[in-house]
Amino acid sequence: MPTVLIIEDEDLDRKVLHSILLSAGYEVVGTARNGEEGIELSRTLQPDLITIDLMMPKMNGMEVLSKLMKENSETKALICTSAHSDPVVDLAMRYGAKGYIIKPFQAKSLLATVKEVIGAPDPARVNVWDF
């Protein structure tokens, strides 16, 4: 089953993202409230995918992405943002992000993006919701 690490400082966004991914059959192996914690968890958990909020205190999403890519250029990361055409999203893609997901999270588009990057979870393990 594909594994995911969520790096998100907002409690509600973190919980919603966790719930959508879990209900679709992905294994959320960890959640981090800030970039520093997220980087440490990524080192120990080695998830298949990392979702990174762009706007966080202390260390923003671009800094997190940059550090993760320097440590492992094969890292599969999705940026979480509230803007479709934010120049920062374009920069994140140049830094190595594999895509982005828009807040507020819409389950269908979020899951389609995740599936593109890491594939679908095992259907036998999916808790079916009508997204």
N, C-alpha and C. Protein backbone atom coordinates (compact mmCIF):
# COMPACT_ATOMS: atom_id res chain seq x y z
N MET A 1 0.84 -1.17 0.00
CA MET A 1 0.00 0.00 0.00
C MET A 1 0.90 1.25 0.00
N PRO A 2 0.63 2.22 -0.88
CA PRO A 2 1.44 3.44 -0.91
C PRO A 2 1.33 4.22 0.41
N THR A 3 2.47 4.76 0.85
CA THR A 3 2.51 5.48 2.11
C THR A 3 2.65 6.99 1.88
N VAL A 4 2.07 7.77 2.80
CA VAL A 4 2.06 9.22 2.66
C VAL A 4 2.44 9.86 3.99
N LEU A 5 3.23 10.92 3.91
CA LEU A 5 3.54 11.79 5.03
C LEU A 5 2.91 13.14 4.74
N ILE A 6 2.19 13.69 5.71
CA ILE A 6 1.54 14.99 5.56
C ILE A 6 2.30 16.02 6.40
N ILE A 7 2.74 17.11 5.75
CA ILE A 7 3.37 18.22 6.46
C ILE A 7 2.44 19.42 6.29
N GLU A 8 1.74 19.76 7.36
CA GLU A 8 0.69 20.79 7.31
C GLU A 8 0.54 21.39 8.70
N ASP A 9 0.61 22.71 8.81
CA ASP A 9 0.53 23.34 10.12
C ASP A 9 -0.90 23.57 10.61
N GLU A 10 -1.87 23.63 9.73
CA GLU A 10 -3.27 23.86 10.12
C GLU A 10 -3.93 22.53 10.49
N ASP A 11 -4.43 22.46 11.72
CA ASP A 11 -5.04 21.22 12.22
C ASP A 11 -6.16 20.71 11.33
N LEU A 12 -7.09 21.58 10.94
CA LEU A 12 -8.23 21.14 10.13
C LEU A 12 -7.79 20.61 8.77
N ASP A 13 -6.91 21.35 8.10
CA ASP A 13 -6.42 20.89 6.80
C ASP A 13 -5.69 19.56 6.92
N ARG A 14 -4.89 19.40 7.96
CA ARG A 14 -4.16 18.15 8.18
C ARG A 14 -5.13 16.99 8.38
N LYS A 15 -6.18 17.22 9.18
CA LYS A 15 -7.16 16.17 9.45
C LYS A 15 -7.97 15.82 8.21
N VAL A 16 -8.37 16.82 7.43
CA VAL A 16 -9.14 16.56 6.22
C VAL A 16 -8.30 15.78 5.21
N LEU A 17 -7.08 16.20 5.00
CA LEU A 17 -6.19 15.51 4.07
C LEU A 17 -5.95 14.07 4.53
N HIS A 18 -5.70 13.89 5.80
CA HIS A 18 -5.50 12.56 6.37
C HIS A 18 -6.72 11.69 6.14
N SER A 19 -7.89 12.22 6.40
CA SER A 19 -9.14 11.46 6.25
C SER A 19 -9.39 11.05 4.80
N ILE A 20 -9.20 11.96 3.87
CA ILE A 20 -9.41 11.65 2.45
C ILE A 20 -8.46 10.55 1.99
N LEU A 21 -7.19 10.70 2.31
CA LEU A 21 -6.20 9.71 1.89
C LEU A 21 -6.46 8.35 2.52
N LEU A 22 -6.74 8.33 3.80
CA LEU A 22 -7.00 7.09 4.51
C LEU A 22 -8.23 6.38 3.96
N SER A 23 -9.29 7.12 3.74
CA SER A 23 -10.52 6.51 3.24
C SER A 23 -10.38 5.97 1.83
N ALA A 24 -9.41 6.50 1.09
CA ALA A 24 -9.18 6.02 -0.28
C ALA A 24 -8.24 4.82 -0.31
N GLY A 25 -7.69 4.46 0.84
CA GLY A 25 -6.85 3.27 0.90
C GLY A 25 -5.36 3.53 1.01
N TYR A 26 -4.95 4.79 1.08
CA TYR A 26 -3.54 5.10 1.27
C TYR A 26 -3.19 4.99 2.75
N GLU A 27 -1.96 4.66 3.04
CA GLU A 27 -1.51 4.56 4.42
C GLU A 27 -0.79 5.85 4.80
N VAL A 28 -1.40 6.62 5.68
CA VAL A 28 -0.77 7.84 6.17
C VAL A 28 0.13 7.43 7.32
N VAL A 29 1.44 7.45 7.07
CA VAL A 29 2.40 6.93 8.04
C VAL A 29 2.83 7.99 9.06
N GLY A 30 2.51 9.25 8.77
CA GLY A 30 2.88 10.29 9.71
C GLY A 30 2.30 11.63 9.32
N THR A 31 2.19 12.50 10.32
CA THR A 31 1.79 13.88 10.08
C THR A 31 2.73 14.79 10.86
N ALA A 32 3.04 15.93 10.28
CA ALA A 32 3.93 16.89 10.92
C ALA A 32 3.26 18.26 10.90
N ARG A 33 3.46 19.00 11.98
CA ARG A 33 2.87 20.34 12.12
C ARG A 33 3.78 21.44 11.59
N ASN A 34 5.03 21.10 11.29
CA ASN A 34 5.94 22.10 10.74
C ASN A 34 7.00 21.42 9.87
N GLY A 35 7.75 22.23 9.16
CA GLY A 35 8.73 21.70 8.23
C GLY A 35 9.86 20.92 8.86
N GLU A 36 10.35 21.41 9.99
CA GLU A 36 11.45 20.71 10.66
C GLU A 36 11.03 19.31 11.08
N GLU A 37 9.85 19.21 11.68
CA GLU A 37 9.33 17.90 12.08
C GLU A 37 9.10 17.01 10.86
N GLY A 38 8.60 17.61 9.78
CA GLY A 38 8.35 16.86 8.55
C GLY A 38 9.62 16.28 7.94
N ILE A 39 10.68 17.06 7.95
CA ILE A 39 11.94 16.57 7.40
C ILE A 39 12.46 15.39 8.22
N GLU A 40 12.39 15.51 9.54
CA GLU A 40 12.83 14.41 10.41
C GLU A 40 11.99 13.15 10.17
N LEU A 41 10.67 13.32 10.09
CA LEU A 41 9.81 12.15 9.84
C LEU A 41 10.08 11.53 8.48
N SER A 42 10.35 12.35 7.48
CA SER A 42 10.61 11.80 6.14
C SER A 42 11.87 10.94 6.14
N ARG A 43 12.84 11.32 6.94
CA ARG A 43 14.08 10.54 7.03
C ARG A 43 13.84 9.17 7.65
N THR A 44 13.02 9.12 8.67
CA THR A 44 12.79 7.84 9.36
C THR A 44 11.70 7.00 8.69
N LEU A 45 10.66 7.64 8.17
CA LEU A 45 9.53 6.89 7.61
C LEU A 45 9.70 6.54 6.14
N GLN A 46 10.45 7.33 5.40
CA GLN A 46 10.67 7.15 3.97
C GLN A 46 9.37 6.84 3.22
N PRO A 47 8.42 7.77 3.24
CA PRO A 47 7.13 7.55 2.59
C PRO A 47 7.24 7.59 1.06
N ASP A 48 6.23 7.03 0.42
CA ASP A 48 6.17 7.07 -1.04
C ASP A 48 5.84 8.47 -1.54
N LEU A 49 5.12 9.23 -0.73
CA LEU A 49 4.68 10.58 -1.10
C LEU A 49 4.69 11.47 0.13
N ILE A 50 5.07 12.74 -0.09
CA ILE A 50 5.01 13.74 0.98
C ILE A 50 4.17 14.90 0.48
N THR A 51 3.15 15.29 1.25
CA THR A 51 2.39 16.49 0.93
C THR A 51 2.95 17.61 1.80
N ILE A 52 3.19 18.77 1.19
CA ILE A 52 3.83 19.88 1.89
C ILE A 52 3.01 21.15 1.71
N ASP A 53 2.57 21.71 2.83
CA ASP A 53 1.89 23.00 2.79
C ASP A 53 2.91 24.07 2.44
N LEU A 54 2.54 24.99 1.57
CA LEU A 54 3.47 26.05 1.18
C LEU A 54 3.67 27.08 2.28
N MET A 55 2.60 27.47 2.94
CA MET A 55 2.66 28.55 3.92
C MET A 55 2.66 27.99 5.33
N MET A 56 3.85 27.93 5.94
CA MET A 56 3.99 27.46 7.30
C MET A 56 4.95 28.38 8.04
N PRO A 57 4.79 28.50 9.35
CA PRO A 57 5.75 29.30 10.12
C PRO A 57 7.08 28.57 10.26
N LYS A 58 8.10 29.29 10.63
CA LYS A 58 9.46 28.80 10.85
C LYS A 58 10.14 28.40 9.54
N MET A 59 9.60 27.41 8.86
CA MET A 59 10.18 26.92 7.61
C MET A 59 9.05 26.74 6.62
N ASN A 60 9.06 27.53 5.54
CA ASN A 60 7.95 27.41 4.58
C ASN A 60 8.12 26.19 3.68
N GLY A 61 7.09 25.89 2.92
CA GLY A 61 7.08 24.69 2.09
C GLY A 61 8.18 24.63 1.06
N MET A 62 8.59 25.78 0.53
CA MET A 62 9.68 25.79 -0.45
C MET A 62 10.99 25.37 0.21
N GLU A 63 11.22 25.83 1.42
CA GLU A 63 12.43 25.45 2.14
C GLU A 63 12.43 23.96 2.44
N VAL A 64 11.27 23.45 2.85
CA VAL A 64 11.13 22.02 3.14
C VAL A 64 11.40 21.21 1.87
N LEU A 65 10.74 21.59 0.78
CA LEU A 65 10.92 20.90 -0.50
C LEU A 65 12.39 20.91 -0.92
N SER A 66 13.01 22.05 -0.82
CA SER A 66 14.42 22.17 -1.22
C SER A 66 15.31 21.23 -0.41
N LYS A 67 15.11 21.19 0.90
CA LYS A 67 15.93 20.31 1.75
C LYS A 67 15.66 18.85 1.44
N LEU A 68 14.40 18.50 1.25
CA LEU A 68 14.06 17.10 0.95
C LEU A 68 14.67 16.67 -0.38
N MET A 69 14.62 17.53 -1.37
CA MET A 69 15.16 17.19 -2.69
C MET A 69 16.69 17.09 -2.65
N LYS A 70 17.33 17.92 -1.83
CA LYS A 70 18.79 17.83 -1.69
C LYS A 70 19.19 16.51 -1.05
N GLU A 71 18.39 16.05 -0.09
CA GLU A 71 18.68 14.79 0.59
C GLU A 71 18.39 13.58 -0.29
N ASN A 72 17.33 13.70 -1.11
CA ASN A 72 16.94 12.59 -1.97
C ASN A 72 16.20 13.15 -3.18
N SER A 73 16.86 13.20 -4.30
CA SER A 73 16.27 13.79 -5.51
C SER A 73 15.11 12.97 -6.06
N GLU A 74 14.92 11.76 -5.55
CA GLU A 74 13.81 10.91 -5.98
C GLU A 74 12.54 11.12 -5.14
N THR A 75 12.59 12.05 -4.19
CA THR A 75 11.44 12.33 -3.34
C THR A 75 10.24 12.73 -4.18
N LYS A 76 9.09 12.13 -3.88
CA LYS A 76 7.85 12.48 -4.55
C LYS A 76 7.05 13.37 -3.60
N ALA A 77 6.93 14.64 -3.98
CA ALA A 77 6.26 15.62 -3.13
C ALA A 77 5.17 16.35 -3.90
N LEU A 78 4.08 16.62 -3.19
CA LEU A 78 3.00 17.46 -3.70
C LEU A 78 2.91 18.69 -2.82
N ILE A 79 2.79 19.83 -3.44
CA ILE A 79 2.63 21.09 -2.72
C ILE A 79 1.14 21.35 -2.50
N CYS A 80 0.79 21.81 -1.30
CA CYS A 80 -0.59 22.18 -0.98
C CYS A 80 -0.67 23.71 -0.99
N THR A 81 -1.60 24.24 -1.77
CA THR A 81 -1.73 25.69 -1.91
C THR A 81 -3.18 26.08 -2.11
N SER A 82 -3.47 27.35 -1.91
CA SER A 82 -4.83 27.83 -2.13
C SER A 82 -4.95 28.57 -3.47
N ALA A 83 -3.87 28.66 -4.23
CA ALA A 83 -3.88 29.38 -5.50
C ALA A 83 -3.49 28.47 -6.66
N HIS A 84 -4.27 28.51 -7.74
CA HIS A 84 -3.98 27.69 -8.92
C HIS A 84 -2.74 28.16 -9.66
N SER A 85 -2.58 29.46 -9.79
CA SER A 85 -1.51 29.97 -10.66
C SER A 85 -0.46 30.74 -9.88
N ASP A 86 -0.28 30.40 -8.66
CA ASP A 86 0.71 31.05 -7.83
C ASP A 86 2.10 30.84 -8.43
N PRO A 87 2.89 31.91 -8.61
CA PRO A 87 4.25 31.73 -9.14
C PRO A 87 5.10 30.82 -8.25
N VAL A 88 4.77 30.76 -6.97
CA VAL A 88 5.51 29.89 -6.07
C VAL A 88 5.29 28.42 -6.44
N VAL A 89 4.08 28.09 -6.92
CA VAL A 89 3.80 26.73 -7.36
C VAL A 89 4.69 26.38 -8.56
N ASP A 90 4.82 27.32 -9.49
CA ASP A 90 5.70 27.09 -10.63
C ASP A 90 7.14 26.88 -10.18
N LEU A 91 7.57 27.66 -9.22
CA LEU A 91 8.92 27.51 -8.69
C LEU A 91 9.07 26.16 -7.99
N ALA A 92 8.05 25.77 -7.24
CA ALA A 92 8.09 24.46 -6.55
C ALA A 92 8.22 23.32 -7.55
N MET A 93 7.53 23.44 -8.66
CA MET A 93 7.63 22.41 -9.70
C MET A 93 9.06 22.36 -10.26
N ARG A 94 9.67 23.51 -10.43
CA ARG A 94 11.05 23.53 -10.91
C ARG A 94 12.01 22.96 -9.87
N TYR A 95 11.67 23.09 -8.60
CA TYR A 95 12.49 22.56 -7.51
C TYR A 95 12.31 21.05 -7.34
N GLY A 96 11.30 20.48 -8.00
CA GLY A 96 11.15 19.03 -7.94
C GLY A 96 9.81 18.51 -7.47
N ALA A 97 8.88 19.39 -7.11
CA ALA A 97 7.55 18.91 -6.73
C ALA A 97 6.93 18.20 -7.92
N LYS A 98 6.18 17.14 -7.66
CA LYS A 98 5.56 16.35 -8.73
C LYS A 98 4.18 16.87 -9.10
N GLY A 99 3.68 17.83 -8.34
CA GLY A 99 2.37 18.40 -8.61
C GLY A 99 1.91 19.21 -7.42
N TYR A 100 0.65 19.61 -7.47
CA TYR A 100 0.11 20.40 -6.38
C TYR A 100 -1.35 20.05 -6.17
N ILE A 101 -1.81 20.30 -4.96
CA ILE A 101 -3.22 20.11 -4.63
C ILE A 101 -3.74 21.40 -4.03
N ILE A 102 -4.98 21.70 -4.38
CA ILE A 102 -5.60 22.98 -4.04
C ILE A 102 -6.42 22.88 -2.77
N LYS A 103 -6.28 23.90 -1.93
CA LYS A 103 -7.11 24.04 -0.74
C LYS A 103 -8.27 24.98 -1.08
N PRO A 104 -9.44 24.79 -0.54
CA PRO A 104 -9.81 23.65 0.30
C PRO A 104 -9.79 22.37 -0.52
N PHE A 105 -9.43 21.27 0.13
CA PHE A 105 -9.26 20.01 -0.55
C PHE A 105 -10.57 19.48 -1.13
N GLN A 106 -10.51 19.09 -2.39
CA GLN A 106 -11.62 18.42 -3.08
C GLN A 106 -11.16 16.98 -3.31
N ALA A 107 -11.86 16.04 -2.72
CA ALA A 107 -11.42 14.65 -2.71
C ALA A 107 -11.10 14.11 -4.10
N LYS A 108 -11.97 14.32 -5.07
CA LYS A 108 -11.74 13.73 -6.40
C LYS A 108 -10.45 14.23 -7.04
N SER A 109 -10.25 15.53 -7.05
CA SER A 109 -9.04 16.06 -7.70
C SER A 109 -7.79 15.73 -6.89
N LEU A 110 -7.89 15.76 -5.58
CA LEU A 110 -6.76 15.40 -4.72
C LEU A 110 -6.34 13.96 -4.99
N LEU A 111 -7.29 13.06 -4.98
CA LEU A 111 -6.98 11.64 -5.18
C LEU A 111 -6.48 11.36 -6.60
N ALA A 112 -6.99 12.08 -7.57
CA ALA A 112 -6.50 11.91 -8.95
C ALA A 112 -5.03 12.32 -9.04
N THR A 113 -4.67 13.41 -8.38
CA THR A 113 -3.28 13.87 -8.39
C THR A 113 -2.38 12.88 -7.66
N VAL A 114 -2.81 12.41 -6.51
CA VAL A 114 -2.02 11.44 -5.75
C VAL A 114 -1.83 10.17 -6.58
N LYS A 115 -2.88 9.71 -7.22
CA LYS A 115 -2.80 8.50 -8.04
C LYS A 115 -1.80 8.67 -9.18
N GLU A 116 -1.78 9.85 -9.80
CA GLU A 116 -0.82 10.12 -10.88
C GLU A 116 0.62 9.99 -10.39
N VAL A 117 0.86 10.40 -9.17
CA VAL A 117 2.23 10.45 -8.65
C VAL A 117 2.69 9.11 -8.07
N ILE A 118 1.84 8.45 -7.29
CA ILE A 118 2.29 7.20 -6.64
C ILE A 118 1.43 5.98 -6.95
N GLY A 119 0.43 6.15 -7.77
CA GLY A 119 -0.42 5.02 -8.11
C GLY A 119 -1.57 4.85 -7.14
N ALA A 120 -2.42 3.91 -7.44
CA ALA A 120 -3.62 3.66 -6.64
C ALA A 120 -3.30 2.68 -5.52
N PRO A 121 -4.05 2.80 -4.42
CA PRO A 121 -3.88 1.82 -3.36
C PRO A 121 -4.48 0.49 -3.77
N ASP A 122 -4.19 -0.54 -3.02
CA ASP A 122 -4.74 -1.87 -3.26
C ASP A 122 -6.26 -1.81 -3.08
N PRO A 123 -7.06 -2.11 -4.13
CA PRO A 123 -8.51 -2.00 -4.02
C PRO A 123 -9.11 -2.87 -2.93
N ALA A 124 -8.46 -3.94 -2.58
CA ALA A 124 -9.00 -4.83 -1.53
C ALA A 124 -8.95 -4.15 -0.15
N ARG A 125 -8.12 -3.11 -0.03
CA ARG A 125 -7.95 -2.45 1.26
C ARG A 125 -8.66 -1.11 1.33
N VAL A 126 -9.38 -0.73 0.28
CA VAL A 126 -10.02 0.59 0.23
C VAL A 126 -11.32 0.58 1.01
N ASN A 127 -11.49 1.60 1.83
CA ASN A 127 -12.73 1.86 2.55
C ASN A 127 -13.55 2.76 1.63
N VAL A 128 -14.51 2.23 0.93
CA VAL A 128 -15.20 2.93 -0.14
C VAL A 128 -16.07 4.07 0.38
N TRP A 129 -15.79 5.25 -0.17
CA TRP A 129 -16.62 6.43 0.04
C TRP A 129 -17.04 6.89 -1.34
N ASP A 130 -18.16 7.52 -1.45
CA ASP A 130 -18.59 8.07 -2.73
C ASP A 130 -18.09 9.50 -2.84
N PHE A 131 -16.90 9.65 -3.44
CA PHE A 131 -16.33 10.98 -3.60
C PHE A 131 -16.97 11.60 -4.79
